[in-house]
Amino acid sequence: QVQLAESGGGLVQPGGSLRLSCAASGRSFSNYAMAWFRQAPGKEREFVAGIARSGTRTYYADSVKGRFTISRDNAKTTVYLQMYSLKPEDTAVYYCAADQSLWVAQRPQEYDYWGQGTQVTVSA
């Protein structure tokens, strides 16, 4: 199995940037599709971005397209989420997730492994 640990969250002004990291430990990291989800208080957990095992295919929620970029470094067993032009609506706890499926899923219940989450707050 794989263990996930997020880092890089914090407080940022609207229009600012943050880079989140998800460090994975365990065997065969390259066999997992990876994704970022977020959950704001009182709201459902929602898909943000996903990346296939090869790293050649990426997927984004409409709300973050053009602003966020997901990438992975299989040698470092790490997944990143680079966030630009942050908005107050982006405020949430961000979670890293892993799935052994051949597809990048957008439903949280499809993922087998989760990190503890990292808080992102966008406020003036």
C-alpha atoms as a PDB file:
ATOM      1  CA  GLN A   1       0.000   0.000   0.000  1.00  0.00           C
ATOM      2  CA  VAL A   2       0.946   3.674  -0.098  1.00  0.00           C
ATOM      3  CA  GLN A   3       0.961   6.381   2.567  1.00  0.00           C
ATOM      4  CA  LEU A   4       0.378  10.014   1.577  1.00  0.00           C
ATOM      5  CA  ALA A   5       1.377  13.249   3.302  1.00  0.00           C
ATOM      6  CA  GLU A   6       0.420  16.727   2.044  1.00  0.00           C
ATOM      7  CA  SER A   7       2.341  19.933   2.709  1.00  0.00           C
ATOM      8  CA  GLY A   8       2.571  23.504   1.433  1.00  0.00           C
ATOM      9  CA  GLY A   9      -0.760  24.951   2.537  1.00  0.00           C
ATOM     10  CA  GLY A  10      -1.098  28.312   4.213  1.00  0.00           C
ATOM     11  CA  LEU A  11      -2.585  31.801   4.099  1.00  0.00           C
ATOM     12  CA  VAL A  12      -2.325  33.746   0.841  1.00  0.00           C
ATOM     13  CA  GLN A  13      -3.878  36.934  -0.562  1.00  0.00           C
ATOM     14  CA  PRO A  14      -6.290  36.819  -3.504  1.00  0.00           C
ATOM     15  CA  GLY A  15      -4.297  36.626  -6.731  1.00  0.00           C
ATOM     16  CA  GLY A  16      -1.406  34.929  -4.987  1.00  0.00           C
ATOM     17  CA  SER A  17       0.152  31.512  -5.512  1.00  0.00           C
ATOM     18  CA  LEU A  18       0.849  28.341  -3.557  1.00  0.00           C
ATOM     19  CA  ARG A  19       2.459  25.018  -4.375  1.00  0.00           C
ATOM     20  CA  LEU A  20       1.161  21.930  -2.613  1.00  0.00           C
ATOM     21  CA  SER A  21       3.156  18.723  -2.370  1.00  0.00           C
ATOM     22  CA  CYS A  22       2.041  15.164  -1.686  1.00  0.00           C
ATOM     23  CA  ALA A  23       4.838  12.829  -0.647  1.00  0.00           C
ATOM     24  CA  ALA A  24       4.140   9.116  -1.040  1.00  0.00           C
ATOM     25  CA  SER A  25       5.840   6.242   0.718  1.00  0.00           C
ATOM     26  CA  GLY A  26       5.544   2.621  -0.292  1.00  0.00           C
ATOM     27  CA  ARG A  27       6.146   0.447  -3.305  1.00  0.00           C
ATOM     28  CA  SER A  28       5.129   0.971  -6.928  1.00  0.00           C
ATOM     29  CA  PHE A  29       4.138   4.643  -6.760  1.00  0.00           C
ATOM     30  CA  SER A  30       4.037   4.729 -10.564  1.00  0.00           C
ATOM     31  CA  ASN A  31       1.149   2.212 -10.549  1.00  0.00           C
ATOM     32  CA  TYR A  32      -1.219   4.729  -8.911  1.00  0.00           C
ATOM     33  CA  ALA A  33      -3.343   7.385 -10.515  1.00  0.00           C
ATOM     34  CA  MET A  34      -3.181  10.458  -8.278  1.00  0.00           C
ATOM     35  CA  ALA A  35      -5.612  13.274  -7.585  1.00  0.00           C
ATOM     36  CA  TRP A  36      -6.240  16.362  -5.489  1.00  0.00           C
ATOM     37  CA  PHE A  37      -9.586  16.980  -3.807  1.00  0.00           C
ATOM     38  CA  ARG A  38     -10.736  19.841  -1.603  1.00  0.00           C
ATOM     39  CA  GLN A  39     -13.430  20.326   0.990  1.00  0.00           C
ATOM     40  CA  ALA A  40     -14.724  23.616   2.352  1.00  0.00           C
ATOM     41  CA  PRO A  41     -16.756  23.835   5.592  1.00  0.00           C
ATOM     42  CA  GLY A  42     -20.317  22.654   5.046  1.00  0.00           C
ATOM     43  CA  LYS A  43     -19.639  21.458   1.505  1.00  0.00           C
ATOM     44  CA  GLU A  44     -19.034  18.126  -0.204  1.00  0.00           C
ATOM     45  CA  ARG A  45     -15.540  16.988  -1.021  1.00  0.00           C
ATOM     46  CA  GLU A  46     -14.895  17.926  -4.657  1.00  0.00           C
ATOM     47  CA  PHE A  47     -12.447  16.868  -7.335  1.00  0.00           C
ATOM     48  CA  VAL A  48      -9.793  19.450  -8.207  1.00  0.00           C
ATOM     49  CA  ALA A  49      -7.215  17.767 -10.451  1.00  0.00           C
ATOM     50  CA  GLY A  50      -5.985  14.307 -11.397  1.00  0.00           C
ATOM     51  CA  ILE A  51      -3.030  12.762 -13.183  1.00  0.00           C
ATOM     52  CA  ALA A  52      -2.642   9.341 -14.774  1.00  0.00           C
ATOM     53  CA  ARG A  53       0.046   6.846 -13.829  1.00  0.00           C
ATOM     54  CA  SER A  54       2.264   7.854 -16.744  1.00  0.00           C
ATOM     55  CA  GLY A  55       1.850  11.567 -16.074  1.00  0.00           C
ATOM     56  CA  THR A  56       0.876  12.198 -19.702  1.00  0.00           C
ATOM     57  CA  ARG A  57      -2.828  12.784 -19.031  1.00  0.00           C
ATOM     58  CA  THR A  58      -4.210  15.373 -16.632  1.00  0.00           C
ATOM     59  CA  TYR A  59      -7.749  16.376 -15.658  1.00  0.00           C
ATOM     60  CA  TYR A  60      -9.093  19.511 -13.995  1.00  0.00           C
ATOM     61  CA  ALA A  61     -12.308  20.778 -12.526  1.00  0.00           C
ATOM     62  CA  ASP A  62     -13.803  23.615 -14.573  1.00  0.00           C
ATOM     63  CA  SER A  63     -13.388  25.982 -11.637  1.00  0.00           C
ATOM     64  CA  VAL A  64      -9.586  25.672 -11.655  1.00  0.00           C
ATOM     65  CA  LYS A  65      -8.736  25.187 -15.343  1.00  0.00           C
ATOM     66  CA  GLY A  66      -6.051  27.614 -16.463  1.00  0.00           C
ATOM     67  CA  ARG A  67      -5.064  28.418 -12.875  1.00  0.00           C
ATOM     68  CA  PHE A  68      -3.927  25.103 -11.342  1.00  0.00           C
ATOM     69  CA  THR A  69      -1.398  22.581 -12.654  1.00  0.00           C
ATOM     70  CA  ILE A  70      -0.957  19.023 -11.396  1.00  0.00           C
ATOM     71  CA  SER A  71       2.294  17.156 -11.976  1.00  0.00           C
ATOM     72  CA  ARG A  72       4.122  14.121 -10.648  1.00  0.00           C
ATOM     73  CA  ASP A  73       7.711  13.044 -10.195  1.00  0.00           C
ATOM     74  CA  ASN A  74       7.742   9.274  -9.981  1.00  0.00           C
ATOM     75  CA  ALA A  75      11.445   9.207  -9.097  1.00  0.00           C
ATOM     76  CA  LYS A  76      10.702  11.349  -6.025  1.00  0.00           C
ATOM     77  CA  THR A  77       7.318   9.650  -5.445  1.00  0.00           C
ATOM     78  CA  THR A  78       5.729  13.094  -5.144  1.00  0.00           C
ATOM     79  CA  VAL A  79       2.680  14.798  -6.666  1.00  0.00           C
ATOM     80  CA  TYR A  80       2.373  18.578  -6.888  1.00  0.00           C
ATOM     81  CA  LEU A  81      -0.424  21.088  -7.279  1.00  0.00           C
ATOM     82  CA  GLN A  82       0.756  24.500  -8.448  1.00  0.00           C
ATOM     83  CA  MET A  83      -1.948  27.095  -7.835  1.00  0.00           C
ATOM     84  CA  TYR A  84      -1.971  30.578  -9.389  1.00  0.00           C
ATOM     85  CA  SER A  85      -4.460  33.446  -9.269  1.00  0.00           C
ATOM     86  CA  LEU A  86      -6.015  32.128  -6.090  1.00  0.00           C
ATOM     87  CA  LYS A  87      -9.523  33.239  -5.167  1.00  0.00           C
ATOM     88  CA  PRO A  88     -11.368  33.255  -1.836  1.00  0.00           C
ATOM     89  CA  GLU A  89     -13.541  30.459  -3.272  1.00  0.00           C
ATOM     90  CA  ASP A  90     -10.432  28.243  -3.330  1.00  0.00           C
ATOM     91  CA  THR A  91     -10.304  28.238   0.474  1.00  0.00           C
ATOM     92  CA  ALA A  92     -10.567  24.634   1.655  1.00  0.00           C
ATOM     93  CA  VAL A  93      -8.700  21.676   3.069  1.00  0.00           C
ATOM     94  CA  TYR A  94      -6.852  20.057   0.188  1.00  0.00           C
ATOM     95  CA  TYR A  95      -6.392  16.286   0.133  1.00  0.00           C
ATOM     96  CA  CYS A  96      -4.132  14.046  -1.907  1.00  0.00           C
ATOM     97  CA  ALA A  97      -5.556  10.682  -3.024  1.00  0.00           C
ATOM     98  CA  ALA A  98      -4.283   7.545  -4.787  1.00  0.00           C
ATOM     99  CA  ASP A  99      -6.098   4.916  -6.837  1.00  0.00           C
ATOM    100  CA  GLN A 100      -4.866   1.768  -8.591  1.00  0.00           C
ATOM    101  CA  SER A 101      -7.541   2.101 -11.282  1.00  0.00           C
ATOM    102  CA  LEU A 102      -6.573   2.453 -14.934  1.00  0.00           C
ATOM    103  CA  TRP A 103      -8.711   5.605 -15.073  1.00  0.00           C
ATOM    104  CA  VAL A 104      -8.434   8.948 -13.284  1.00  0.00           C
ATOM    105  CA  ALA A 105     -11.692   9.082 -11.341  1.00  0.00           C
ATOM    106  CA  GLN A 106     -13.462  12.205 -10.105  1.00  0.00           C
ATOM    107  CA  ARG A 107     -15.545  10.593  -7.363  1.00  0.00           C
ATOM    108  CA  PRO A 108     -13.938  10.462  -3.898  1.00  0.00           C
ATOM    109  CA  GLN A 109     -15.270   6.952  -3.221  1.00  0.00           C
ATOM    110  CA  GLU A 110     -13.124   5.589  -6.056  1.00  0.00           C
ATOM    111  CA  TYR A 111      -9.900   6.316  -4.169  1.00  0.00           C
ATOM    112  CA  ASP A 112      -8.326   3.886  -1.738  1.00  0.00           C
ATOM    113  CA  TYR A 113      -5.670   6.035  -0.054  1.00  0.00           C
ATOM    114  CA  TRP A 114      -5.823   9.555   1.364  1.00  0.00           C
ATOM    115  CA  GLY A 115      -3.514  12.033   3.026  1.00  0.00           C
ATOM    116  CA  GLN A 116      -4.387  13.994   6.158  1.00  0.00           C
ATOM    117  CA  GLY A 117      -5.079  17.228   4.271  1.00  0.00           C
ATOM    118  CA  THR A 118      -3.509  20.686   4.247  1.00  0.00           C
ATOM    119  CA  GLN A 119      -5.381  23.956   4.804  1.00  0.00           C
ATOM    120  CA  VAL A 120      -5.395  26.608   2.076  1.00  0.00           C
ATOM    121  CA  THR A 121      -6.884  29.978   3.039  1.00  0.00           C
ATOM    122  CA  VAL A 122      -7.246  32.799   0.501  1.00  0.00           C
ATOM    123  CA  SER A 123      -8.097  36.093   2.177  1.00  0.00           C
ATOM    124  CA  ALA A 124      -7.249  39.772   1.787  1.00  0.00           C
END
